[in-house]
Amino acid sequence: MQDAALLVIDVQDSFLRRPYWDESELPAYREAQLRLIAGAEARGVPVVNILHTDDDEPFRMESGLVKPQAWLTHRPAATFVKHVHNALTDSGLRPWLDARGIRRLVISGIRTEQCCETTTRVASDLGYEVDYVTEATLTFAMTHQPSGRVFSPAEIRERTELVLAGRFATIVGVDEALRRMEA
């Protein structure tokens, strides 16, 4: 599909230095992410890397960690750096997409409920069609304060799908995202 782009959001070394980093879900996520990238490239869909920078040490440009994780070896059509949670308002991505007539965004990356979800909501509000590929997103357990309840990555993904589905995005797996790129 010529009017689509795959966004690979915040898959960067900065996360390796966060105390919540947990590799237990990384193998399945990495396999899904790589399959999605390869499929998009095979279909001529541009793959766009998004990196996050802010004042938190591992996310500072000077840290040397604001770069794609080593297992990401594709050549992106473009790379944009954002300073807020969504990829569209301050990175230069939106004019790049609009100049190419791209109206459908395929969302993947790190973290499911933060920058991936926020980008999805903003994209929808801006009139883009959004395919949210949950299996190609990664997140980590989170503790709700003040209750102390720990939400697993699976619960966070489920909640994210609940609030996005039918309102802001179409929830798809990798195979369905790739089929929709051919439509």
C-alpha atoms as a PDB file:
ATOM      1  CA  MET A   1       0.000   0.000   0.000  1.00  0.00           C
ATOM      2  CA  GLN A   2       1.583   3.228  -1.129  1.00  0.00           C
ATOM      3  CA  ASP A   3      -0.312   5.395   1.341  1.00  0.00           C
ATOM      4  CA  ALA A   4       1.029   3.536   4.415  1.00  0.00           C
ATOM      5  CA  ALA A   5       4.151   3.807   6.556  1.00  0.00           C
ATOM      6  CA  LEU A   6       5.416   1.568   9.343  1.00  0.00           C
ATOM      7  CA  LEU A   7       6.565   3.478  12.433  1.00  0.00           C
ATOM      8  CA  VAL A   8       9.169   1.766  14.624  1.00  0.00           C
ATOM      9  CA  ILE A   9       8.899   3.869  17.773  1.00  0.00           C
ATOM     10  CA  ASP A  10      11.657   4.231  20.393  1.00  0.00           C
ATOM     11  CA  VAL A  11      13.366   0.865  19.857  1.00  0.00           C
ATOM     12  CA  GLN A  12      16.537   2.379  21.264  1.00  0.00           C
ATOM     13  CA  ASP A  13      19.385   1.587  23.626  1.00  0.00           C
ATOM     14  CA  SER A  14      18.154   4.135  26.193  1.00  0.00           C
ATOM     15  CA  PHE A  15      15.699   1.551  27.543  1.00  0.00           C
ATOM     16  CA  LEU A  16      18.502  -0.867  28.366  1.00  0.00           C
ATOM     17  CA  ARG A  17      19.514   1.509  31.187  1.00  0.00           C
ATOM     18  CA  ARG A  18      16.071   1.831  32.758  1.00  0.00           C
ATOM     19  CA  PRO A  19      15.498  -0.077  36.029  1.00  0.00           C
ATOM     20  CA  TYR A  20      12.320  -1.670  34.684  1.00  0.00           C
ATOM     21  CA  TRP A  21      14.031  -3.154  31.582  1.00  0.00           C
ATOM     22  CA  ASP A  22      13.121  -6.827  31.447  1.00  0.00           C
ATOM     23  CA  GLU A  23      14.139  -9.087  28.565  1.00  0.00           C
ATOM     24  CA  SER A  24      11.604 -11.824  29.308  1.00  0.00           C
ATOM     25  CA  GLU A  25       9.221 -10.614  26.570  1.00  0.00           C
ATOM     26  CA  LEU A  26      11.948  -9.370  24.237  1.00  0.00           C
ATOM     27  CA  PRO A  27      12.359 -12.512  22.056  1.00  0.00           C
ATOM     28  CA  ALA A  28       8.687 -12.661  20.998  1.00  0.00           C
ATOM     29  CA  TYR A  29       8.537  -8.910  20.490  1.00  0.00           C
ATOM     30  CA  ARG A  30      11.792  -8.847  18.492  1.00  0.00           C
ATOM     31  CA  GLU A  31      10.572 -11.665  16.218  1.00  0.00           C
ATOM     32  CA  ALA A  32       7.270  -9.854  15.576  1.00  0.00           C
ATOM     33  CA  GLN A  33       8.989  -6.509  15.003  1.00  0.00           C
ATOM     34  CA  LEU A  34      11.507  -7.958  12.566  1.00  0.00           C
ATOM     35  CA  ARG A  35       8.801  -9.863  10.672  1.00  0.00           C
ATOM     36  CA  LEU A  36       6.742  -6.681  10.409  1.00  0.00           C
ATOM     37  CA  ILE A  37       9.722  -4.662   9.141  1.00  0.00           C
ATOM     38  CA  ALA A  38      10.706  -7.313   6.587  1.00  0.00           C
ATOM     39  CA  GLY A  39       7.118  -7.598   5.374  1.00  0.00           C
ATOM     40  CA  ALA A  40       6.726  -3.844   5.032  1.00  0.00           C
ATOM     41  CA  GLU A  41       9.976  -3.568   3.090  1.00  0.00           C
ATOM     42  CA  ALA A  42       8.938  -6.445   0.792  1.00  0.00           C
ATOM     43  CA  ARG A  43       5.717  -4.550   0.029  1.00  0.00           C
ATOM     44  CA  GLY A  44       7.438  -1.234  -0.634  1.00  0.00           C
ATOM     45  CA  VAL A  45       6.002   0.347   2.519  1.00  0.00           C
ATOM     46  CA  PRO A  46       8.450   2.844   4.048  1.00  0.00           C
ATOM     47  CA  VAL A  47       9.797   1.950   7.484  1.00  0.00           C
ATOM     48  CA  VAL A  48      10.374   5.008   9.657  1.00  0.00           C
ATOM     49  CA  ASN A  49      12.449   4.944  12.841  1.00  0.00           C
ATOM     50  CA  ILE A  50      11.408   7.251  15.657  1.00  0.00           C
ATOM     51  CA  LEU A  51      13.822   7.977  18.523  1.00  0.00           C
ATOM     52  CA  HIS A  52      13.014   9.705  21.817  1.00  0.00           C
ATOM     53  CA  THR A  53      15.194  12.221  23.585  1.00  0.00           C
ATOM     54  CA  ASP A  54      14.592  14.173  26.788  1.00  0.00           C
ATOM     55  CA  ASP A  55      16.402  15.309  29.939  1.00  0.00           C
ATOM     56  CA  ASP A  56      16.391  11.859  31.580  1.00  0.00           C
ATOM     57  CA  GLU A  57      20.001  10.604  31.419  1.00  0.00           C
ATOM     58  CA  PRO A  58      19.661   7.535  29.187  1.00  0.00           C
ATOM     59  CA  PHE A  59      17.462   9.541  26.810  1.00  0.00           C
ATOM     60  CA  ARG A  60      19.815  12.518  26.506  1.00  0.00           C
ATOM     61  CA  MET A  61      21.526  12.735  23.119  1.00  0.00           C
ATOM     62  CA  GLU A  62      24.839  13.097  24.913  1.00  0.00           C
ATOM     63  CA  SER A  63      24.353   9.672  26.534  1.00  0.00           C
ATOM     64  CA  GLY A  64      25.137   7.922  23.255  1.00  0.00           C
ATOM     65  CA  LEU A  65      22.119   5.670  23.871  1.00  0.00           C
ATOM     66  CA  VAL A  66      19.637   7.445  21.616  1.00  0.00           C
ATOM     67  CA  LYS A  67      20.212   4.997  18.770  1.00  0.00           C
ATOM     68  CA  PRO A  68      18.395   1.904  17.492  1.00  0.00           C
ATOM     69  CA  GLN A  69      19.006  -1.327  19.357  1.00  0.00           C
ATOM     70  CA  ALA A  70      21.669  -3.435  17.634  1.00  0.00           C
ATOM     71  CA  TRP A  71      19.249  -6.094  16.375  1.00  0.00           C
ATOM     72  CA  LEU A  72      17.465  -3.494  14.223  1.00  0.00           C
ATOM     73  CA  THR A  73      19.515  -3.731  11.041  1.00  0.00           C
ATOM     74  CA  HIS A  74      17.050  -2.391   8.463  1.00  0.00           C
ATOM     75  CA  ARG A  75      17.698   0.822   6.566  1.00  0.00           C
ATOM     76  CA  PRO A  76      14.848   3.161   7.476  1.00  0.00           C
ATOM     77  CA  ALA A  77      13.311   5.397   4.842  1.00  0.00           C
ATOM     78  CA  ALA A  78      13.724   8.175   7.416  1.00  0.00           C
ATOM     79  CA  THR A  79      14.568   8.669  11.092  1.00  0.00           C
ATOM     80  CA  PHE A  80      12.976  11.313  13.288  1.00  0.00           C
ATOM     81  CA  VAL A  81      13.768  12.405  16.838  1.00  0.00           C
ATOM     82  CA  LYS A  82      10.943  13.439  19.145  1.00  0.00           C
ATOM     83  CA  HIS A  83      10.971  15.236  22.473  1.00  0.00           C
ATOM     84  CA  VAL A  84       7.396  14.432  23.505  1.00  0.00           C
ATOM     85  CA  HIS A  85       5.472  11.180  23.822  1.00  0.00           C
ATOM     86  CA  ASN A  86       3.919  11.200  20.349  1.00  0.00           C
ATOM     87  CA  ALA A  87       5.871  10.991  17.121  1.00  0.00           C
ATOM     88  CA  LEU A  88       3.895  13.599  15.186  1.00  0.00           C
ATOM     89  CA  THR A  89       3.944  17.008  16.868  1.00  0.00           C
ATOM     90  CA  ASP A  90       7.592  17.979  17.184  1.00  0.00           C
ATOM     91  CA  SER A  91       9.701  15.559  15.154  1.00  0.00           C
ATOM     92  CA  GLY A  92       9.149  16.609  11.543  1.00  0.00           C
ATOM     93  CA  LEU A  93       7.402  13.303  10.815  1.00  0.00           C
ATOM     94  CA  ARG A  94       4.018  14.788   9.966  1.00  0.00           C
ATOM     95  CA  PRO A  95       5.253  17.010   7.085  1.00  0.00           C
ATOM     96  CA  TRP A  96       7.301  14.052   5.771  1.00  0.00           C
ATOM     97  CA  LEU A  97       4.202  11.819   5.759  1.00  0.00           C
ATOM     98  CA  ASP A  98       1.966  14.469   4.237  1.00  0.00           C
ATOM     99  CA  ALA A  99       4.476  15.250   1.455  1.00  0.00           C
ATOM    100  CA  ARG A 100       4.307  11.585   0.452  1.00  0.00           C
ATOM    101  CA  GLY A 101       0.530  11.247   0.681  1.00  0.00           C
ATOM    102  CA  ILE A 102       0.774   8.768   3.544  1.00  0.00           C
ATOM    103  CA  ARG A 103      -2.575   8.456   5.333  1.00  0.00           C
ATOM    104  CA  ARG A 104      -2.239   5.095   7.135  1.00  0.00           C
ATOM    105  CA  LEU A 105       0.221   4.541   9.960  1.00  0.00           C
ATOM    106  CA  VAL A 106       1.214   1.105  11.188  1.00  0.00           C
ATOM    107  CA  ILE A 107       2.332   1.458  14.812  1.00  0.00           C
ATOM    108  CA  SER A 108       5.005  -0.676  16.497  1.00  0.00           C
ATOM    109  CA  GLY A 109       7.788  -0.221  19.049  1.00  0.00           C
ATOM    110  CA  ILE A 110       8.464   0.463  22.723  1.00  0.00           C
ATOM    111  CA  ARG A 111       6.355   1.138  24.991  1.00  0.00           C
ATOM    112  CA  THR A 112       2.918  -0.239  24.264  1.00  0.00           C
ATOM    113  CA  GLU A 113       0.973   2.104  26.561  1.00  0.00           C
ATOM    114  CA  GLN A 114       3.141   5.179  26.305  1.00  0.00           C
ATOM    115  CA  CYS A 115       4.690   6.475  23.096  1.00  0.00           C
ATOM    116  CA  CYS A 116       3.021   3.863  20.858  1.00  0.00           C
ATOM    117  CA  GLU A 117      -0.429   4.531  22.316  1.00  0.00           C
ATOM    118  CA  THR A 118       0.072   8.303  22.419  1.00  0.00           C
ATOM    119  CA  THR A 119       1.207   8.393  18.793  1.00  0.00           C
ATOM    120  CA  THR A 120      -1.861   6.349  17.870  1.00  0.00           C
ATOM    121  CA  ARG A 121      -4.253   8.749  19.591  1.00  0.00           C
ATOM    122  CA  VAL A 122      -2.664  11.851  18.097  1.00  0.00           C
ATOM    123  CA  ALA A 123      -2.493  10.275  14.624  1.00  0.00           C
ATOM    124  CA  SER A 124      -6.179   9.406  14.784  1.00  0.00           C
ATOM    125  CA  ASP A 125      -7.068  12.933  15.882  1.00  0.00           C
ATOM    126  CA  LEU A 126      -5.054  14.290  12.935  1.00  0.00           C
ATOM    127  CA  GLY A 127      -7.055  12.144  10.503  1.00  0.00           C
ATOM    128  CA  TYR A 128      -4.655   9.295   9.826  1.00  0.00           C
ATOM    129  CA  GLU A 129      -5.912   5.725   9.675  1.00  0.00           C
ATOM    130  CA  VAL A 130      -4.006   3.687  12.249  1.00  0.00           C
ATOM    131  CA  ASP A 131      -3.201   0.001  12.454  1.00  0.00           C
ATOM    132  CA  TYR A 132      -1.945  -0.793  15.953  1.00  0.00           C
ATOM    133  CA  VAL A 133       0.192  -3.952  15.900  1.00  0.00           C
ATOM    134  CA  THR A 134       0.120  -4.938  19.556  1.00  0.00           C
ATOM    135  CA  GLU A 135       2.310  -8.017  19.151  1.00  0.00           C
ATOM    136  CA  ALA A 136       5.000  -5.741  17.680  1.00  0.00           C
ATOM    137  CA  THR A 137       5.040  -3.530  20.771  1.00  0.00           C
ATOM    138  CA  LEU A 138       6.944  -4.076  23.988  1.00  0.00           C
ATOM    139  CA  THR A 139       6.201  -2.962  27.506  1.00  0.00           C
ATOM    140  CA  PHE A 140       7.102  -3.843  31.074  1.00  0.00           C
ATOM    141  CA  ALA A 141       5.299  -4.567  34.323  1.00  0.00           C
ATOM    142  CA  MET A 142       4.034  -1.462  36.090  1.00  0.00           C
ATOM    143  CA  THR A 143       2.952  -0.853  39.676  1.00  0.00           C
ATOM    144  CA  HIS A 144      -0.198   1.179  40.246  1.00  0.00           C
ATOM    145  CA  GLN A 145       0.165   3.744  43.005  1.00  0.00           C
ATOM    146  CA  PRO A 146      -1.229   3.899  45.646  1.00  0.00           C
ATOM    147  CA  SER A 147      -2.789   0.406  45.471  1.00  0.00           C
ATOM    148  CA  GLY A 148       0.511  -1.368  44.880  1.00  0.00           C
ATOM    149  CA  ARG A 149      -1.069  -3.671  42.301  1.00  0.00           C
ATOM    150  CA  VAL A 150       1.379  -4.845  39.656  1.00  0.00           C
ATOM    151  CA  PHE A 151       0.045  -4.947  36.100  1.00  0.00           C
ATOM    152  CA  SER A 152       1.774  -7.451  33.837  1.00  0.00           C
ATOM    153  CA  PRO A 153       2.805  -6.603  30.284  1.00  0.00           C
ATOM    154  CA  ALA A 154      -0.074  -8.799  29.046  1.00  0.00           C
ATOM    155  CA  GLU A 155      -2.585  -6.811  31.139  1.00  0.00           C
ATOM    156  CA  ILE A 156      -1.150  -3.520  29.886  1.00  0.00           C
ATOM    157  CA  ARG A 157      -1.371  -4.677  26.262  1.00  0.00           C
ATOM    158  CA  GLU A 158      -4.964  -5.809  26.813  1.00  0.00           C
ATOM    159  CA  ARG A 159      -5.908  -2.466  28.362  1.00  0.00           C
ATOM    160  CA  THR A 160      -4.226  -0.592  25.528  1.00  0.00           C
ATOM    161  CA  GLU A 161      -6.171  -2.590  22.943  1.00  0.00           C
ATOM    162  CA  LEU A 162      -9.383  -1.936  24.890  1.00  0.00           C
ATOM    163  CA  VAL A 163      -9.026   1.837  24.847  1.00  0.00           C
ATOM    164  CA  LEU A 164      -7.744   2.122  21.268  1.00  0.00           C
ATOM    165  CA  ALA A 165      -9.920  -0.384  19.389  1.00  0.00           C
ATOM    166  CA  GLY A 166     -12.604   1.149  17.217  1.00  0.00           C
ATOM    167  CA  ARG A 167     -11.935   4.630  18.545  1.00  0.00           C
ATOM    168  CA  PHE A 168      -8.395   5.429  17.553  1.00  0.00           C
ATOM    169  CA  ALA A 169      -7.096   2.374  15.687  1.00  0.00           C
ATOM    170  CA  THR A 170      -7.704  -1.000  14.168  1.00  0.00           C
ATOM    171  CA  ILE A 171      -5.984  -3.595  16.361  1.00  0.00           C
ATOM    172  CA  VAL A 172      -4.087  -6.101  14.223  1.00  0.00           C
ATOM    173  CA  GLY A 173      -1.433  -8.785  14.482  1.00  0.00           C
ATOM    174  CA  VAL A 174       1.624  -8.844  12.248  1.00  0.00           C
ATOM    175  CA  ASP A 175       0.010 -11.075   9.603  1.00  0.00           C
ATOM    176  CA  GLU A 176      -3.095  -8.908   9.376  1.00  0.00           C
ATOM    177  CA  ALA A 177      -1.006  -5.709   9.253  1.00  0.00           C
ATOM    178  CA  LEU A 178       0.940  -7.139   6.326  1.00  0.00           C
ATOM    179  CA  ARG A 179      -2.260  -8.187   4.524  1.00  0.00           C
ATOM    180  CA  ARG A 180      -3.678  -4.686   5.002  1.00  0.00           C
ATOM    181  CA  MET A 181      -0.517  -3.199   3.475  1.00  0.00           C
ATOM    182  CA  GLU A 182      -1.378  -5.036   0.255  1.00  0.00           C
ATOM    183  CA  ALA A 183      -4.945  -3.706   0.089  1.00  0.00           C
END
